[in-house]
Amino acid sequence: MLLCLLLAAVPAAARAQDPAPAPPVATTGAAEAVAETSATLTGTVQRNAPAAGYHFEYGTTTAYGLSTPETAIPTGGTDPVTVRAAIQGLTRDTTYHYRLVATNAAGVSRGADRTLRTAPGPRAPAVTSTTSRDVTARSARLLTTVDPNGQATSVRFEYGSTTNYGSFSDRLDAGSGDRGVPLSLTLDGLRPNRRYHFRAVATNATGTTRSRDRTFTTPREPTGIAISLTPSRAVWGGSVTVLGRVTGTGVGGTPVALERQDFPFSADFRQVGDTRTATTSGAVRFTLPGLFVTSRLRLITRTRTVVASSVRTASCALRVGARVRSRGRGRARVEGTIWPQVPAGRVSLQKRSPRGRWAVVRRAAATPLDANRSRYGFSVRRGARRAAVYRVVVLARDGGAHVPGRSREVRVKARPRR
């Protein structure tokens, strides 16, 4: 009886020494054969029990949401088992998260999260960096960068005065590479002073991509500018009106400046006052408020294409005053002031004949009065029967800084009768 009990206890003791089964160990591996819409997920499982199974969880986030069917791992052996599962129906050019999940009777094991990105497949071209350069009144250079994305791609520019465009350029070949290709094209036949919209349009077998709308404005195109002076000979300190007319296309609003070069004309031309804008007809007007020395004047456009008028000379005449002072019954004095001071000036007294002609009756040198003026004086006889009319002409003799000036006419009364 005792022997039977001992024999029965041996198997029970042997079973008590066997270890309890442990959960499996799942290790997520790299994805293989990744295509546009499919991939093969891999991993390894340490079973740790005779019966174990596995599946993969996958999705576009770590919440996964999708899984492969549960698959049993073949029994036998203790080495880790490599497992695979093919997945399909994926979206092109998209990142997916996945992990391996293994189970046995003792529990569940989840491998680390890994990612894969599906192949992009054929794509429409990409268009970037669309802009314009070298814009003139009649042309502009358009630029863009196009990535063909691996397919033969052509590019053209659409352009026009609105976002409806209406015109397009010749096509450019962007090749079939997989990187950005810089392209440029010059548009000719544009109109001056006009805003243009444009965009780049790239096309391959997969589709067409359009850039954002861009704009440029062609400048005005002045071709000439006329100038006239009123008066062309101004008395010292007087004003001169400068009239101009810009010719060309789109000249309305053209910025124009008045430039001046004073005697002795050795310095450069310099701008006088503010820039003015031409009217729709191209007309422009300036006023030179005070002319104190003979000057050369011109009009010039402040545009990308610069146009200058011919040079006109505004002559500055001496200002000559004249008055009559009585010097008794038989004589009078014609005298006055000259502006500016003319140290070498020559003064001529002229008398008008009964027929209206002027004749020089006396000459004298100008006498300095102060830093800005000179003076003169002539003593004349009074006529016995009629009054005499005189005027004074002054020659500056200053090298050309001033042209001769002339006084107003003055009347010397006849000698009074006794």
Protein backbone atom coordinates (compact mmCIF):
# COMPACT_ATOMS: atom_id res chain seq x y z
CA MET A 1 0.00 0.00 0.00
CA LEU A 2 2.80 2.41 0.89
CA LEU A 3 4.53 1.59 -2.40
CA CYS A 4 1.45 2.52 -4.37
CA LEU A 5 1.20 5.86 -2.65
CA LEU A 6 4.85 6.68 -3.42
CA LEU A 7 4.46 5.78 -7.08
CA ALA A 8 1.39 8.01 -7.37
CA ALA A 9 3.26 10.98 -5.84
CA VAL A 10 6.13 10.96 -8.38
CA PRO A 11 4.21 12.35 -11.45
CA ALA A 12 2.58 15.03 -9.31
CA ALA A 13 5.99 16.20 -8.09
CA ALA A 14 7.35 16.23 -11.64
CA ARG A 15 4.45 18.37 -12.78
CA ALA A 16 4.97 20.81 -9.89
CA GLN A 17 8.53 21.49 -11.13
CA ASP A 18 7.44 22.59 -14.75
CA PRO A 19 7.46 26.50 -15.10
CA ALA A 20 4.16 28.33 -15.65
CA PRO A 21 3.66 29.65 -19.28
CA ALA A 22 4.69 33.35 -19.85
CA PRO A 23 3.15 35.93 -22.24
CA PRO A 24 4.77 36.10 -25.68
CA VAL A 25 7.29 38.79 -26.68
CA ALA A 26 6.38 40.77 -29.84
CA THR A 27 8.98 42.83 -31.72
CA THR A 28 7.78 45.08 -34.57
CA GLY A 29 10.01 44.88 -37.64
CA ALA A 30 10.53 47.05 -40.72
CA ALA A 31 7.97 47.26 -43.46
CA GLU A 32 8.82 45.59 -46.75
CA ALA A 33 7.65 45.95 -50.35
CA VAL A 34 6.12 49.35 -49.65
CA ALA A 35 4.16 50.42 -52.75
CA GLU A 36 1.57 53.08 -53.52
CA THR A 37 -1.36 51.26 -51.88
CA SER A 38 0.19 48.20 -50.22
CA ALA A 39 3.00 47.01 -47.94
CA THR A 40 4.19 43.95 -46.02
CA LEU A 41 4.56 44.29 -42.26
CA THR A 42 7.12 42.14 -40.43
CA GLY A 43 8.13 41.25 -36.89
CA THR A 44 9.27 38.49 -34.58
CA VAL A 45 7.43 36.63 -31.81
CA GLN A 46 8.93 34.76 -28.85
CA ARG A 47 6.03 32.37 -28.18
CA ASN A 48 6.82 31.29 -24.60
CA ALA A 49 3.92 28.79 -24.88
CA PRO A 50 3.00 26.02 -27.26
CA ALA A 51 0.06 27.91 -28.76
CA ALA A 52 0.38 31.54 -29.82
CA GLY A 53 -1.01 33.87 -32.46
CA TYR A 54 -0.37 37.33 -33.84
CA HIS A 55 -1.82 40.21 -35.86
CA PHE A 56 -0.69 43.71 -36.86
CA GLU A 57 -2.50 46.93 -35.98
CA TYR A 58 -2.11 49.84 -38.41
CA GLY A 59 -3.57 53.24 -39.33
CA THR A 60 -2.66 56.87 -40.03
CA THR A 61 -2.33 57.64 -36.29
CA THR A 62 -1.22 55.78 -33.18
CA ALA A 63 -4.88 54.96 -32.59
CA TYR A 64 -4.44 52.54 -35.51
CA GLY A 65 -8.05 51.46 -36.20
CA LEU A 66 -7.21 48.67 -38.67
CA SER A 67 -5.71 45.23 -38.15
CA THR A 68 -4.71 42.12 -40.05
CA PRO A 69 -6.44 38.76 -39.37
CA GLU A 70 -5.30 36.79 -36.33
CA THR A 71 -2.81 34.16 -37.43
CA ALA A 72 -1.57 31.15 -35.47
CA ILE A 73 2.14 30.66 -35.02
CA PRO A 74 3.30 27.11 -35.84
CA THR A 75 4.21 25.07 -32.76
CA GLY A 76 7.57 23.54 -32.11
CA GLY A 77 10.90 24.99 -31.19
CA THR A 78 11.83 27.77 -28.82
CA ASP A 79 13.49 30.31 -31.15
CA PRO A 80 11.78 33.58 -32.08
CA VAL A 81 9.51 33.21 -35.09
CA THR A 82 9.55 35.73 -37.95
CA VAL A 83 6.02 36.73 -38.98
CA ARG A 84 4.63 38.77 -41.88
CA ALA A 85 1.32 40.21 -43.02
CA ALA A 86 0.43 41.96 -46.28
CA ILE A 87 -1.83 45.01 -46.13
CA GLN A 88 -3.58 46.70 -49.04
CA GLY A 89 -5.99 49.55 -49.78
CA LEU A 90 -3.59 52.18 -48.48
CA THR A 91 -3.53 55.79 -49.62
CA ARG A 92 -0.67 57.05 -51.77
CA ASP A 93 2.02 59.25 -50.30
CA THR A 94 0.72 58.80 -46.74
CA THR A 95 2.42 57.95 -43.44
CA TYR A 96 1.03 54.91 -41.56
CA HIS A 97 1.69 53.73 -38.00
CA TYR A 98 1.80 49.99 -37.23
CA ARG A 99 2.81 47.51 -34.54
CA LEU A 100 2.88 43.72 -33.96
CA VAL A 101 0.52 42.18 -31.36
CA ALA A 102 1.16 38.60 -30.13
CA THR A 103 -1.04 36.50 -27.77
CA ASN A 104 -0.89 33.19 -25.96
CA ALA A 105 -2.71 31.68 -23.05
CA ALA A 106 -0.66 33.73 -20.60
CA GLY A 107 -1.35 37.15 -22.10
CA VAL A 108 -0.81 39.75 -24.83
CA SER A 109 2.37 41.52 -25.98
CA ARG A 110 2.48 44.64 -28.20
CA GLY A 111 5.56 45.64 -30.13
CA ALA A 112 6.83 49.19 -30.51
CA ASP A 113 5.13 51.61 -32.88
CA ARG A 114 6.79 52.02 -36.27
CA THR A 115 5.89 53.97 -39.40
CA LEU A 116 5.99 53.59 -43.15
CA ARG A 117 5.17 55.98 -45.98
CA THR A 118 3.47 54.74 -49.10
CA ALA A 119 4.95 55.61 -52.49
CA PRO A 120 3.56 58.80 -54.02
CA GLY A 121 2.83 57.35 -57.45
CA PRO A 122 2.35 59.58 -60.48
CA ARG A 123 1.81 63.23 -59.46
CA ALA A 124 0.94 66.45 -61.16
CA PRO A 125 3.86 68.88 -61.41
CA ALA A 126 4.64 71.33 -58.63
CA VAL A 127 4.99 75.07 -59.39
CA THR A 128 6.82 77.54 -57.13
CA SER A 129 8.65 80.88 -57.20
CA THR A 130 6.66 82.49 -60.00
CA THR A 131 7.69 86.13 -60.47
CA SER A 132 8.65 88.81 -63.01
CA ARG A 133 11.84 90.78 -63.72
CA ASP A 134 13.29 93.21 -66.23
CA VAL A 135 9.93 94.87 -66.88
CA THR A 136 10.05 97.53 -69.59
CA ALA A 137 7.34 99.48 -71.36
CA ARG A 138 7.03 96.78 -74.02
CA SER A 139 8.36 93.55 -72.48
CA ALA A 140 8.81 91.58 -69.28
CA ARG A 141 10.70 88.45 -68.25
CA LEU A 142 8.58 85.88 -66.40
CA LEU A 143 10.19 83.23 -64.18
CA THR A 144 9.00 80.13 -62.38
CA THR A 145 10.32 76.87 -60.91
CA VAL A 146 8.63 73.58 -61.87
CA ASP A 147 9.14 70.08 -60.43
CA PRO A 148 7.97 67.57 -63.09
CA ASN A 149 7.60 64.85 -60.41
CA GLY A 150 9.10 62.22 -62.68
CA GLN A 151 6.96 62.78 -65.77
CA ALA A 152 7.44 64.74 -68.98
CA THR A 153 6.14 68.22 -68.21
CA SER A 154 5.49 71.36 -70.26
CA VAL A 155 4.98 74.89 -68.95
CA ARG A 156 3.43 78.05 -70.33
CA PHE A 157 2.48 81.44 -68.91
CA GLU A 158 -1.03 82.87 -69.09
CA TYR A 159 -1.27 86.67 -68.97
CA GLY A 160 -3.63 89.56 -69.54
CA SER A 161 -5.06 92.73 -68.03
CA THR A 162 -7.42 90.76 -65.74
CA THR A 163 -7.42 87.39 -63.98
CA ASN A 164 -9.25 86.03 -67.02
CA TYR A 165 -5.81 86.35 -68.70
CA GLY A 166 -6.72 85.73 -72.34
CA SER A 167 -3.19 85.42 -73.74
CA PHE A 168 -0.56 82.74 -73.30
CA SER A 169 3.09 82.21 -74.13
CA ASP A 170 4.83 79.43 -76.02
CA ARG A 171 5.36 76.20 -74.10
CA LEU A 172 8.61 75.47 -72.29
CA ASP A 173 9.98 71.97 -71.66
CA ALA A 174 10.56 71.25 -67.96
CA GLY A 175 11.87 67.71 -68.58
CA SER A 176 10.84 64.64 -66.57
CA GLY A 177 13.07 64.84 -63.53
CA ASP A 178 12.13 64.82 -59.87
CA ARG A 179 13.47 68.18 -58.75
CA GLY A 180 12.67 71.86 -59.34
CA VAL A 181 13.71 73.27 -62.72
CA PRO A 182 14.05 77.09 -63.08
CA LEU A 183 12.45 78.41 -66.27
CA SER A 184 12.09 81.88 -67.77
CA LEU A 185 10.50 83.44 -70.82
CA THR A 186 10.39 87.01 -72.16
CA LEU A 187 7.03 88.43 -73.19
CA ASP A 188 7.13 91.01 -75.99
CA GLY A 189 4.47 93.22 -77.49
CA LEU A 190 3.16 94.56 -74.18
CA ARG A 191 1.59 98.00 -73.81
CA PRO A 192 3.14 100.77 -71.71
CA ASN A 193 1.64 101.92 -68.43
CA ARG A 194 -0.54 98.85 -67.98
CA ARG A 195 -0.98 96.36 -65.16
CA TYR A 196 -0.71 92.73 -66.22
CA HIS A 197 -1.81 89.58 -64.39
CA PHE A 198 0.05 86.35 -65.06
CA ARG A 199 0.52 82.80 -63.80
CA ALA A 200 2.55 79.71 -64.69
CA VAL A 201 0.67 76.59 -65.85
CA ALA A 202 2.52 73.23 -65.75
CA THR A 203 1.07 70.03 -67.24
CA ASN A 204 2.09 66.34 -67.24
CA ALA A 205 0.22 63.05 -67.79
CA THR A 206 -1.20 63.12 -64.27
CA GLY A 207 -2.58 66.64 -64.22
CA THR A 208 -2.12 70.42 -64.42
CA THR A 209 -0.88 72.76 -61.71
CA ARG A 210 -1.31 76.54 -61.80
CA SER A 211 0.68 79.05 -59.78
CA ARG A 212 -0.92 81.85 -57.83
CA ASP A 213 -1.83 84.99 -59.73
CA ARG A 214 0.99 87.52 -59.97
CA THR A 215 1.12 91.02 -61.41
CA PHE A 216 3.53 93.54 -62.89
CA THR A 217 3.00 97.02 -64.32
CA THR A 218 4.78 98.21 -67.44
CA PRO A 219 6.24 101.71 -67.12
CA ARG A 220 5.23 104.71 -69.19
CA GLU A 221 7.00 105.17 -72.48
CA PRO A 222 7.86 108.82 -73.07
CA THR A 223 9.59 109.37 -76.40
CA GLY A 224 10.15 113.11 -76.29
CA ILE A 225 9.46 116.30 -74.39
CA ALA A 226 9.10 119.81 -75.80
CA ILE A 227 9.93 122.97 -73.84
CA SER A 228 9.08 126.65 -74.20
CA LEU A 229 9.74 129.71 -71.99
CA THR A 230 7.43 132.64 -71.31
CA PRO A 231 9.13 135.06 -71.42
CA SER A 232 12.52 133.88 -72.67
CA ARG A 233 14.00 137.21 -71.53
CA ALA A 234 13.03 138.19 -68.01
CA VAL A 235 13.91 141.36 -66.15
CA TRP A 236 16.19 140.78 -63.15
CA GLY A 237 14.14 139.18 -60.32
CA GLY A 238 11.19 138.42 -62.59
CA SER A 239 9.57 135.04 -63.09
CA VAL A 240 9.68 132.68 -66.03
CA THR A 241 6.96 130.19 -66.93
CA VAL A 242 8.24 126.91 -68.35
CA LEU A 243 5.80 124.90 -70.44
CA GLY A 244 6.41 121.34 -71.54
CA ARG A 245 4.64 118.56 -73.37
CA VAL A 246 5.61 114.90 -73.06
CA THR A 247 5.03 112.75 -76.11
CA GLY A 248 4.83 108.98 -76.31
CA THR A 249 2.53 106.26 -74.97
CA GLY A 250 0.84 106.38 -71.58
CA VAL A 251 2.38 109.77 -70.82
CA GLY A 252 -0.41 110.93 -68.51
CA GLY A 253 1.01 111.01 -64.99
CA THR A 254 4.63 110.98 -66.16
CA PRO A 255 6.84 112.58 -63.47
CA VAL A 256 8.78 115.51 -64.91
CA ALA A 257 11.44 117.70 -63.29
CA LEU A 258 12.71 121.17 -64.20
CA GLU A 259 16.50 121.40 -64.18
CA ARG A 260 18.62 124.55 -64.24
CA GLN A 261 22.21 125.46 -65.00
CA ASP A 262 23.23 129.01 -64.10
CA PHE A 263 25.85 131.18 -65.76
CA PRO A 264 28.79 130.54 -66.30
CA PHE A 265 27.35 127.06 -67.07
CA SER A 266 30.27 125.19 -65.55
CA ALA A 267 28.25 123.27 -62.94
CA ASP A 268 25.90 120.39 -63.60
CA PHE A 269 22.18 120.82 -64.11
CA ARG A 270 20.26 120.69 -60.83
CA GLN A 271 16.58 120.21 -60.11
CA VAL A 272 14.46 123.25 -59.33
CA GLY A 273 11.53 122.69 -56.97
CA ASP A 274 9.38 119.57 -56.88
CA THR A 275 8.66 117.07 -59.60
CA ARG A 276 5.37 117.60 -61.47
CA THR A 277 3.17 115.05 -63.22
CA ALA A 278 2.05 115.46 -66.79
CA THR A 279 -1.66 115.70 -67.61
CA THR A 280 -3.38 113.08 -69.74
CA SER A 281 -2.31 115.06 -72.81
CA GLY A 282 1.29 115.15 -71.56
CA ALA A 283 1.28 118.84 -70.63
CA VAL A 284 3.33 120.10 -67.69
CA ARG A 285 3.95 123.59 -66.29
CA PHE A 286 6.57 125.09 -64.00
CA THR A 287 7.18 128.59 -62.69
CA LEU A 288 10.69 129.83 -61.99
CA PRO A 289 9.84 132.51 -59.40
CA GLY A 290 12.93 134.70 -59.54
CA LEU A 291 15.55 134.90 -62.28
CA PHE A 292 18.68 136.75 -61.18
CA VAL A 293 21.20 135.46 -63.68
CA THR A 294 20.99 134.07 -67.19
CA SER A 295 20.26 130.33 -66.92
CA ARG A 296 19.87 127.29 -69.09
CA LEU A 297 16.72 125.26 -68.48
CA ARG A 298 15.55 121.83 -69.50
CA LEU A 299 12.77 119.37 -68.65
CA ILE A 300 13.56 115.75 -67.88
CA THR A 301 11.34 112.77 -67.08
CA ARG A 302 11.85 110.89 -63.85
CA THR A 303 11.06 107.56 -65.47
CA ARG A 304 12.94 104.32 -66.03
CA THR A 305 13.46 105.41 -69.62
CA VAL A 306 14.73 108.98 -69.20
CA VAL A 307 13.81 111.57 -71.81
CA ALA A 308 15.16 115.15 -71.69
CA SER A 309 14.05 118.20 -73.63
CA SER A 310 16.37 120.46 -75.55
CA VAL A 311 18.06 123.20 -73.53
CA ARG A 312 16.51 126.66 -73.56
CA THR A 313 18.22 129.82 -72.28
CA ALA A 314 16.31 132.14 -69.99
CA SER A 315 18.08 135.47 -70.38
CA CYS A 316 18.20 137.75 -67.38
CA ALA A 317 18.01 141.43 -68.35
CA LEU A 318 19.23 144.18 -66.07
CA ARG A 319 16.52 146.02 -64.21
CA VAL A 320 16.90 149.73 -64.96
CA GLY A 321 14.97 152.43 -63.15
CA ALA A 322 14.54 155.96 -64.48
CA ARG A 323 13.11 159.23 -63.17
CA VAL A 324 13.42 162.93 -63.96
CA ARG A 325 14.51 165.59 -61.50
CA SER A 326 14.26 169.28 -62.30
CA ARG A 327 17.44 171.33 -62.22
CA GLY A 328 15.94 174.75 -62.72
CA ARG A 329 14.24 176.40 -65.66
CA GLY A 330 16.63 175.27 -68.36
CA ARG A 331 17.91 171.86 -67.22
CA ALA A 332 16.76 168.49 -65.84
CA ARG A 333 18.41 165.29 -64.67
CA VAL A 334 17.59 161.76 -65.79
CA GLU A 335 18.79 159.32 -63.15
CA GLY A 336 18.06 155.88 -61.79
CA THR A 337 19.21 152.60 -60.23
CA ILE A 338 20.47 149.43 -61.91
CA TRP A 339 19.98 145.91 -60.52
CA PRO A 340 22.27 144.09 -59.89
CA GLN A 341 25.53 145.93 -59.46
CA VAL A 342 27.40 146.13 -62.78
CA PRO A 343 30.90 147.45 -62.05
CA ALA A 344 31.82 147.50 -65.72
CA GLY A 345 28.39 148.51 -66.97
CA ARG A 346 27.96 151.07 -69.73
CA VAL A 347 24.91 153.33 -69.61
CA SER A 348 23.45 154.92 -72.74
CA LEU A 349 20.91 157.72 -72.70
CA GLN A 350 18.67 157.57 -75.74
CA LYS A 351 16.29 160.23 -77.06
CA ARG A 352 13.27 159.62 -79.27
CA SER A 353 13.03 161.64 -82.46
CA PRO A 354 9.76 163.13 -83.77
CA ARG A 355 9.61 160.14 -86.14
CA GLY A 356 9.85 157.69 -83.27
CA ARG A 357 13.45 156.61 -83.71
CA TRP A 358 15.83 156.29 -80.80
CA ALA A 359 19.30 157.79 -80.87
CA VAL A 360 22.09 157.71 -78.28
CA VAL A 361 22.77 161.21 -76.97
CA ARG A 362 25.06 160.43 -74.03
CA ARG A 363 27.05 157.54 -72.55
CA ALA A 364 28.47 157.04 -69.09
CA ALA A 365 29.79 154.35 -66.77
CA ALA A 366 27.62 152.84 -64.07
CA THR A 367 28.57 153.80 -60.52
CA PRO A 368 28.32 151.21 -57.71
CA LEU A 369 25.65 152.13 -55.16
CA ASP A 370 25.91 149.14 -52.79
CA ALA A 371 26.62 145.41 -53.02
CA ASN A 372 23.52 144.77 -55.10
CA ARG A 373 22.99 147.97 -57.12
CA SER A 374 24.60 150.53 -59.37
CA ARG A 375 23.37 154.01 -60.36
CA TYR A 376 23.70 156.54 -63.14
CA GLY A 377 22.72 160.16 -63.87
CA PHE A 378 22.57 162.45 -66.93
CA SER A 379 22.01 166.21 -67.08
CA VAL A 380 19.93 167.33 -70.10
CA ARG A 381 18.71 170.64 -71.50
CA ARG A 382 15.05 171.40 -71.65
CA GLY A 383 13.70 172.06 -75.09
CA ALA A 384 12.35 175.48 -75.93
CA ARG A 385 9.12 174.36 -77.56
CA ARG A 386 8.34 170.73 -76.82
CA ALA A 387 9.01 168.05 -74.27
CA ALA A 388 11.63 165.37 -74.95
CA VAL A 389 11.27 161.63 -74.36
CA TYR A 390 14.24 159.66 -73.06
CA ARG A 391 15.09 156.11 -72.05
CA VAL A 392 18.20 154.45 -70.66
CA VAL A 393 19.84 151.27 -71.94
CA VAL A 394 22.49 149.55 -69.80
CA LEU A 395 25.02 147.04 -71.12
CA ALA A 396 26.25 144.80 -68.26
CA ARG A 397 29.57 143.75 -69.80
CA ASP A 398 29.80 140.90 -67.26
CA GLY A 399 30.63 138.07 -69.65
CA GLY A 400 27.04 137.00 -70.38
CA ALA A 401 25.55 136.73 -66.90
CA HIS A 402 23.04 139.45 -67.86
CA VAL A 403 21.71 140.84 -71.10
CA PRO A 404 21.16 144.59 -71.63
CA GLY A 405 18.37 146.20 -69.67
CA ARG A 406 16.17 149.12 -70.66
CA SER A 407 14.32 151.61 -68.53
CA ARG A 408 10.82 152.90 -69.03
CA GLU A 409 10.34 156.05 -71.09
CA VAL A 410 10.52 159.33 -69.18
CA ARG A 411 9.43 162.80 -70.34
CA VAL A 412 11.45 165.96 -69.80
CA LYS A 413 9.15 168.96 -70.09
CA ALA A 414 9.97 171.92 -72.28
CA ARG A 415 11.54 175.00 -70.79
CA PRO A 416 8.77 177.11 -69.25
CA ARG A 417 8.12 180.47 -70.85
CA ARG A 418 8.77 183.65 -68.95
